[in-house]
Every structure is written in C-alpha cells, then in structure tokens.
Amino acid sequence: MRRKRRESPISLFSFQDVIMSVVGIVILITLLLILKLITQPPSSSPNHSAATVSARQLQQKIESLNSALQEIQKEITQQHQTKLESVVTPQIKNQIDAVIATTKRIDTECNKLNNEIQNEKKRTENLKNDLKIKSTFDSKKQIKQMKEQLDKLKIEKDELSKQEKQLQTTADELTLKNQQLDDEITAAVPPQLLVSIQKKADKKAFLCVYGQDGLEIIPTDGSIAKKFTSQSAFYNWLDSCNKSTDHFIIYFRPSRFGRYKEIVDRIKSKGFDIGYQVIGEKTNLINNTM
C-alpha cells in the first residue's frame, strides 16, 4: 500500500510567498511611476496647471500606499501563522489515526451487537412459534385422547344398558315365576295374617288393605268395615276423619306396588299418622285386636 507523501511546511507556503513578492513588485512599480511624474519637466500645454500634481499630494499617496503594503504584509504573515498552526505533526496524526481506528472498532462492535440482537429476536420469535405449534399439537392430542375416552365410555354405557335390559328381563321373569308360585300356594292353602293393634283411649286405628279389587278399611274398634273401589271415594271419606285421633296402617298387595306412594303421600298431607307394609296377593288379613 502506497503511503501518501507528506508535504513540508516550506512547500505549503511557497505559493503565498510568490504572491507577496508579486504584490511588492507592483507597489515598487507604482512608486517608480509616481517618482517619474515628479521628476518630469513641466508641459507646455494649456492645461499644465490642472495636470500638475503637488509634491505634498504625491507624498500623501506614497504614505497611503506604504500603509496598504504594510496591511498586506501583515495579512500574509497572519495567514502564514494560521497555516503553520494547522500543520499536522506526526504525533497528532498518530492520535487521529488511533481515534479513527477506535471509532471503526466501536462501529464494528455496534454492528456486531446489533446483528446479535436481531438474531436473538429471530430466535425468540421462532421459539414462540415453536411453543404455539407445540401447544396446538398438545391440545389436539389431548382432544383426541378425550374423544377416544368418550368413545370408550359410550361403548361401556351401551354394554351396561344391554346388561341392564338383560337383568330387568331376568327380574321380570323371576317376578312372574314368584307370582305364579304365590298363586299356586294360595290356591292350595290361602295364607292368613293375624293383626293385633294395641288399643289406646285417645287413638283409633284403621287397617287398610289395598289390592286389585280396591281399598278395604277395617276399623279396630269393632265397627263395620268399608270398601272403596276408587281412590277419589277413599279421599272423600278420609276428609271426614279426625287427624288428631285417627291413624292408618296400610297393607299393600304386589299388584298395587306402582300406586302405594301416591296413597301414602296423600294421607300424610292430610296430617294423619301412617304405617305400611307389604302382604301377599292372596293373603287374608284377620283383625285380632281385642
């Protein structure tokens, strides 16, 4: 690499020295012309008095020209001094080069740091995108697993429903067989149920048998039994009873399992005390209260 030739202070000011020399020559020529005018003999022309220049005036012009020359020389000297002060020494040049090198290094490091920041931003953005993709994938996977579990539960539910239907069919068959056995036993020897109710002075019990043929009321005080073939007739009679002294014990036959709760709730809503139990379809209820 070629090194730039450094100019010496003398070469820097050679052009200005030439200018100063030229200016001096011009002033010298001017002074010679003025001197020539002074020494020239008077002219014989009519305008001789007007063209003649007094020595005093010429002296004044010479002094003004000297003053201008001094100003020009002073200005040239100041410019010389300025140029001398602006000369860059090797030490200053080295300092400037060091500053420039440091500036370039800092600029390079700044660019490198900026590139790292941009790369980090890209990595962060990519990581966010990866997390979103992973989250979406995990969510889809979880939803898929839940659907599979739901499908399995549906299959299990269907299986349980089938088993429930089979069990219900088996229970119905067993109930029918028990009913048939009860009918056979009843036909052979009708069962009997003796009921004894402890008498109380302030209470009167009514035994109620609820079967296919209606609702039979058996008083425990020896009065005449009553039989109702409809629930509405029974409810009308119930309104005539006294909830403070009367209470009921109801015996339900299997043929009335589906309706016993309605009767019990209706009697309770009227404020009566009530008890109940189940008896056979053909069981004869015998009041043994004394």
Protein backbone atom coordinates (compact mmCIF):
# COMPACT_ATOMS: atom_id res chain seq x y z
CA MET A 1 0.00 0.00 0.00
CA ARG A 2 1.47 3.38 -1.04
CA ARG A 3 1.94 5.86 1.70
CA LYS A 4 0.83 9.39 0.98
CA ARG A 5 3.74 11.79 0.77
CA ARG A 6 3.59 14.40 3.43
CA GLU A 7 4.37 17.96 2.39
CA SER A 8 6.77 20.05 4.44
CA PRO A 9 5.75 23.50 5.82
CA ILE A 10 8.06 25.20 3.27
CA SER A 11 6.28 23.69 0.28
CA LEU A 12 2.90 24.63 1.77
CA PHE A 13 3.77 28.36 1.82
CA SER A 14 5.74 28.70 -1.44
CA PHE A 15 2.67 29.87 -3.37
CA GLN A 16 1.86 32.57 -0.80
CA ASP A 17 5.50 33.76 -0.87
CA VAL A 18 5.22 34.25 -4.62
CA ILE A 19 2.01 36.25 -4.14
CA MET A 20 3.73 38.53 -1.61
CA SER A 21 6.67 39.07 -3.97
CA VAL A 22 4.36 39.98 -6.82
CA VAL A 23 2.50 42.45 -4.63
CA GLY A 24 5.81 44.03 -3.61
CA ILE A 25 6.89 44.37 -7.23
CA VAL A 26 3.57 46.01 -8.12
CA ILE A 27 3.97 48.53 -5.30
CA LEU A 28 7.56 49.19 -6.38
CA ILE A 29 6.49 49.85 -9.96
CA THR A 30 3.78 52.18 -8.69
CA LEU A 31 6.31 54.13 -6.67
CA LEU A 32 8.65 54.41 -9.69
CA LEU A 33 5.82 55.76 -11.82
CA ILE A 34 5.00 58.35 -9.17
CA LEU A 35 8.67 59.33 -8.99
CA LYS A 36 8.77 59.68 -12.74
CA LEU A 37 5.81 62.01 -12.61
CA ILE A 38 7.54 64.15 -10.01
CA THR A 39 10.76 64.44 -11.98
CA GLN A 40 9.12 65.03 -15.37
CA PRO A 41 9.60 68.66 -16.66
CA PRO A 42 6.56 70.91 -16.92
CA SER A 43 4.49 70.59 -20.09
CA SER A 44 3.83 73.48 -22.47
CA SER A 45 0.17 72.56 -22.92
CA PRO A 46 -2.58 74.98 -21.86
CA ASN A 47 -3.79 72.56 -19.16
CA HIS A 48 -0.41 72.41 -17.44
CA SER A 49 -1.65 73.97 -14.21
CA ALA A 50 -4.54 71.44 -13.87
CA ALA A 51 -2.36 68.36 -14.56
CA THR A 52 0.45 69.33 -12.25
CA VAL A 53 0.45 67.30 -9.03
CA SER A 54 1.99 68.85 -5.96
CA ALA A 55 4.77 67.06 -4.11
CA ARG A 56 2.74 67.09 -0.96
CA GLN A 57 -0.12 65.17 -2.57
CA LEU A 58 2.30 62.65 -4.06
CA GLN A 59 3.89 62.20 -0.66
CA GLN A 60 0.49 61.53 0.85
CA LYS A 61 -0.26 58.91 -1.81
CA ILE A 62 3.12 57.26 -1.21
CA GLU A 63 2.38 57.08 2.52
CA SER A 64 -1.08 55.59 1.86
CA LEU A 65 0.48 53.02 -0.45
CA ASN A 66 3.06 52.17 2.21
CA SER A 67 0.27 51.76 4.73
CA ALA A 68 -1.60 49.42 2.35
CA LEU A 69 1.59 47.48 1.75
CA GLN A 70 2.06 47.03 5.49
CA GLU A 71 -1.54 45.80 5.85
CA ILE A 72 -0.99 43.32 3.02
CA GLN A 73 2.22 42.07 4.61
CA LYS A 74 0.51 41.79 7.98
CA GLU A 75 -2.36 39.76 6.46
CA ILE A 76 0.14 37.48 4.70
CA THR A 77 2.02 36.97 7.98
CA GLN A 78 -1.22 36.07 9.80
CA GLN A 79 -2.12 33.56 7.09
CA HIS A 80 1.40 32.13 7.39
CA GLN A 81 0.87 31.72 11.12
CA THR A 82 -2.53 30.09 10.58
CA LYS A 83 -1.06 27.67 8.08
CA LEU A 84 1.78 26.88 10.47
CA GLU A 85 -0.68 26.17 13.30
CA SER A 86 -2.73 23.94 11.02
CA VAL A 87 0.20 21.74 10.13
CA VAL A 88 -0.43 18.22 11.43
CA THR A 89 2.53 16.75 13.28
CA PRO A 90 3.26 13.01 13.22
CA GLN A 91 2.15 12.68 16.86
CA ILE A 92 -1.20 14.36 16.16
CA LYS A 93 -1.54 12.22 13.02
CA ASN A 94 -0.99 9.10 15.09
CA GLN A 95 -3.58 10.25 17.62
CA ILE A 96 -6.06 10.96 14.83
CA ASP A 97 -5.39 7.52 13.32
CA ALA A 98 -5.89 5.94 16.75
CA VAL A 99 -9.19 7.77 17.21
CA ILE A 100 -10.31 6.73 13.73
CA ALA A 101 -9.33 3.12 14.41
CA THR A 102 -11.16 3.19 17.76
CA THR A 103 -14.22 4.67 16.08
CA LYS A 104 -14.16 1.96 13.41
CA ARG A 105 -13.74 -0.73 16.07
CA ILE A 106 -16.65 0.63 18.12
CA ASP A 107 -18.76 0.89 14.97
CA THR A 108 -17.89 -2.72 14.10
CA GLU A 109 -18.76 -3.88 17.62
CA CYS A 110 -22.04 -1.94 17.49
CA ASN A 111 -22.91 -3.58 14.18
CA LYS A 112 -21.98 -6.97 15.59
CA LEU A 113 -24.07 -6.35 18.72
CA ASN A 114 -26.99 -5.17 16.60
CA ASN A 115 -26.74 -8.33 14.50
CA GLU A 116 -26.74 -10.44 17.68
CA ILE A 117 -29.81 -8.58 18.93
CA GLN A 118 -31.60 -9.18 15.62
CA ASN A 119 -30.63 -12.86 15.68
CA GLU A 120 -31.84 -13.16 19.28
CA LYS A 121 -35.15 -11.59 18.28
CA LYS A 122 -35.46 -14.10 15.46
CA ARG A 123 -34.64 -16.98 17.83
CA THR A 124 -37.19 -15.69 20.34
CA GLU A 125 -39.84 -15.39 17.63
CA ASN A 126 -39.04 -18.87 16.36
CA LEU A 127 -39.24 -20.20 19.92
CA LYS A 128 -42.65 -18.56 20.38
CA ASN A 129 -43.84 -20.09 17.13
CA ASP A 130 -42.50 -23.48 18.19
CA LEU A 131 -44.29 -23.16 21.55
CA LYS A 132 -47.52 -22.23 19.78
CA ILE A 133 -47.17 -25.18 17.43
CA LYS A 134 -46.36 -27.49 20.33
CA SER A 135 -49.26 -26.13 22.38
CA THR A 136 -51.60 -26.60 19.44
CA PHE A 137 -50.26 -30.10 18.88
CA ASP A 138 -50.65 -30.97 22.58
CA SER A 139 -54.19 -29.57 22.60
CA LYS A 140 -55.13 -31.59 19.52
CA LYS A 141 -53.54 -34.66 21.05
CA GLN A 142 -55.41 -34.12 24.32
CA ILE A 143 -58.70 -33.57 22.48
CA LYS A 144 -58.09 -36.75 20.51
CA GLN A 145 -57.43 -38.70 23.71
CA MET A 146 -60.59 -37.28 25.32
CA LYS A 147 -62.63 -38.26 22.25
CA GLU A 148 -61.19 -41.75 22.40
CA GLN A 149 -62.07 -41.98 26.11
CA LEU A 150 -65.55 -40.66 25.37
CA ASP A 151 -66.00 -43.29 22.66
CA LYS A 152 -64.88 -45.98 25.11
CA LEU A 153 -67.33 -44.67 27.73
CA LYS A 154 -70.13 -44.72 25.16
CA ILE A 155 -69.30 -48.32 24.32
CA GLU A 156 -69.24 -49.19 28.03
CA LYS A 157 -72.54 -47.38 28.51
CA ASP A 158 -74.10 -49.35 25.68
CA GLU A 159 -72.79 -52.55 27.21
CA LEU A 160 -74.17 -51.59 30.61
CA SER A 161 -77.51 -50.70 29.03
CA LYS A 162 -77.63 -54.12 27.40
CA GLN A 163 -76.75 -55.79 30.69
CA GLU A 164 -79.37 -53.69 32.49
CA LYS A 165 -82.02 -54.76 29.99
CA GLN A 166 -80.99 -58.38 30.39
CA LEU A 167 -81.11 -58.07 34.18
CA GLN A 168 -84.50 -56.37 34.00
CA THR A 169 -85.80 -59.15 31.76
CA THR A 170 -84.45 -61.73 34.20
CA ALA A 171 -86.02 -59.86 37.15
CA ASP A 172 -89.37 -59.71 35.35
CA GLU A 173 -89.18 -63.43 34.65
CA LEU A 174 -88.33 -64.14 38.30
CA THR A 175 -91.16 -61.89 39.48
CA LEU A 176 -93.57 -63.71 37.21
CA LYS A 177 -92.37 -67.05 38.50
CA ASN A 178 -92.75 -65.87 42.11
CA GLN A 179 -96.24 -64.67 41.32
CA GLN A 180 -97.08 -68.00 39.81
CA LEU A 181 -95.70 -69.76 42.86
CA ASP A 182 -97.68 -67.47 45.15
CA ASP A 183 -100.82 -68.17 43.15
CA GLU A 184 -100.18 -71.88 43.35
CA ILE A 185 -99.55 -71.72 47.09
CA THR A 186 -102.58 -69.51 47.65
CA ALA A 187 -104.74 -71.79 45.61
CA ALA A 188 -103.63 -74.71 47.69
CA VAL A 189 -103.68 -73.08 51.15
CA PRO A 190 -104.62 -69.36 51.31
CA PRO A 191 -102.24 -67.66 53.82
CA GLN A 192 -103.58 -65.66 56.72
CA LEU A 193 -102.18 -62.72 58.62
CA LEU A 194 -103.31 -62.02 62.16
CA VAL A 195 -103.02 -58.37 63.11
CA SER A 196 -103.18 -57.17 66.73
CA ILE A 197 -103.25 -53.46 67.45
CA GLN A 198 -102.84 -52.14 70.98
CA LYS A 199 -105.83 -50.03 71.85
CA LYS A 200 -105.43 -46.51 73.14
CA ALA A 201 -108.16 -44.40 74.70
CA ASP A 202 -107.41 -41.34 72.60
CA LYS A 203 -106.47 -43.13 69.36
CA LYS A 204 -108.37 -45.24 66.83
CA ALA A 205 -106.52 -47.33 64.23
CA PHE A 206 -107.79 -48.22 60.75
CA LEU A 207 -106.37 -51.25 58.91
CA CYS A 208 -106.36 -50.66 55.15
CA VAL A 209 -105.83 -53.45 52.59
CA TYR A 210 -105.01 -52.14 49.13
CA GLY A 211 -105.32 -54.73 46.31
CA GLN A 212 -106.65 -55.22 42.82
CA ASP A 213 -110.26 -55.11 43.95
CA GLY A 214 -109.91 -51.75 45.70
CA LEU A 215 -109.17 -50.42 49.15
CA GLU A 216 -110.75 -52.11 52.19
CA ILE A 217 -110.95 -50.28 55.55
CA ILE A 218 -111.09 -52.47 58.68
CA PRO A 219 -111.71 -50.49 61.92
CA THR A 220 -110.07 -51.87 65.09
CA ASP A 221 -112.89 -50.69 67.33
CA GLY A 222 -115.31 -53.36 66.05
CA SER A 223 -117.29 -51.06 63.75
CA ILE A 224 -118.37 -52.10 60.25
CA ALA A 225 -115.62 -52.40 57.57
CA LYS A 226 -115.70 -50.22 54.49
CA LYS A 227 -114.56 -50.84 50.91
CA PHE A 228 -113.72 -48.27 48.25
CA THR A 229 -113.29 -49.18 44.58
CA SER A 230 -111.88 -45.74 43.63
CA GLN A 231 -109.28 -43.52 45.19
CA SER A 232 -111.50 -40.44 44.99
CA ALA A 233 -114.15 -42.12 47.16
CA PHE A 234 -111.49 -43.05 49.68
CA TYR A 235 -110.15 -39.49 49.77
CA ASN A 236 -113.66 -38.10 50.37
CA TRP A 237 -114.11 -40.45 53.32
CA LEU A 238 -110.60 -39.52 54.56
CA ASP A 239 -111.70 -35.87 54.81
CA SER A 240 -114.33 -36.92 57.37
CA CYS A 241 -111.74 -38.50 59.67
CA ASN A 242 -110.03 -36.75 62.58
CA LYS A 243 -106.27 -36.44 62.21
CA SER A 244 -105.90 -35.93 65.97
CA THR A 245 -107.38 -39.30 66.94
CA ASP A 246 -107.32 -41.47 63.81
CA HIS A 247 -104.29 -43.17 62.29
CA PHE A 248 -103.83 -45.69 59.46
CA ILE A 249 -101.90 -48.90 58.81
CA ILE A 250 -101.92 -49.81 55.11
CA TYR A 251 -101.13 -53.29 53.71
CA PHE A 252 -100.19 -53.23 50.06
CA ARG A 253 -100.54 -56.20 47.77
CA PRO A 254 -97.95 -56.66 44.97
CA SER A 255 -100.49 -55.66 42.33
CA ARG A 256 -100.50 -52.12 43.77
CA PHE A 257 -96.75 -51.51 44.12
CA GLY A 258 -96.90 -48.77 41.47
CA ARG A 259 -99.51 -46.70 43.37
CA TYR A 260 -98.73 -47.11 47.04
CA LYS A 261 -96.61 -43.96 47.24
CA GLU A 262 -99.47 -41.78 46.00
CA ILE A 263 -101.80 -43.10 48.74
CA VAL A 264 -99.14 -42.68 51.46
CA ASP A 265 -98.28 -39.10 50.40
CA ARG A 266 -101.96 -38.14 50.26
CA ILE A 267 -102.68 -39.43 53.77
CA LYS A 268 -99.56 -37.74 55.17
CA SER A 269 -100.51 -34.45 53.51
CA LYS A 270 -103.76 -34.55 55.48
CA GLY A 271 -101.78 -34.66 58.73
CA PHE A 272 -102.50 -38.32 59.69
CA ASP A 273 -100.02 -40.72 61.25
CA ILE A 274 -99.45 -43.70 58.95
CA GLY A 275 -97.64 -47.00 58.79
CA TYR A 276 -97.49 -49.56 55.97
CA GLN A 277 -96.15 -52.94 54.92
CA VAL A 278 -96.48 -55.45 52.05
CA ILE A 279 -98.54 -58.66 52.12
CA GLY A 280 -99.20 -61.40 49.60
CA GLU A 281 -101.69 -61.01 46.81
CA LYS A 282 -103.97 -63.72 48.30
CA THR A 283 -103.14 -63.27 51.99
CA ASN A 284 -106.16 -62.90 54.20
CA LEU A 285 -105.85 -60.15 56.80
CA ILE A 286 -107.52 -61.05 60.13
CA ASN A 287 -108.05 -58.40 62.79
CA ASN A 288 -107.06 -59.91 66.10
CA THR A 289 -107.32 -56.69 68.11
CA MET A 290 -109.11 -57.21 71.47
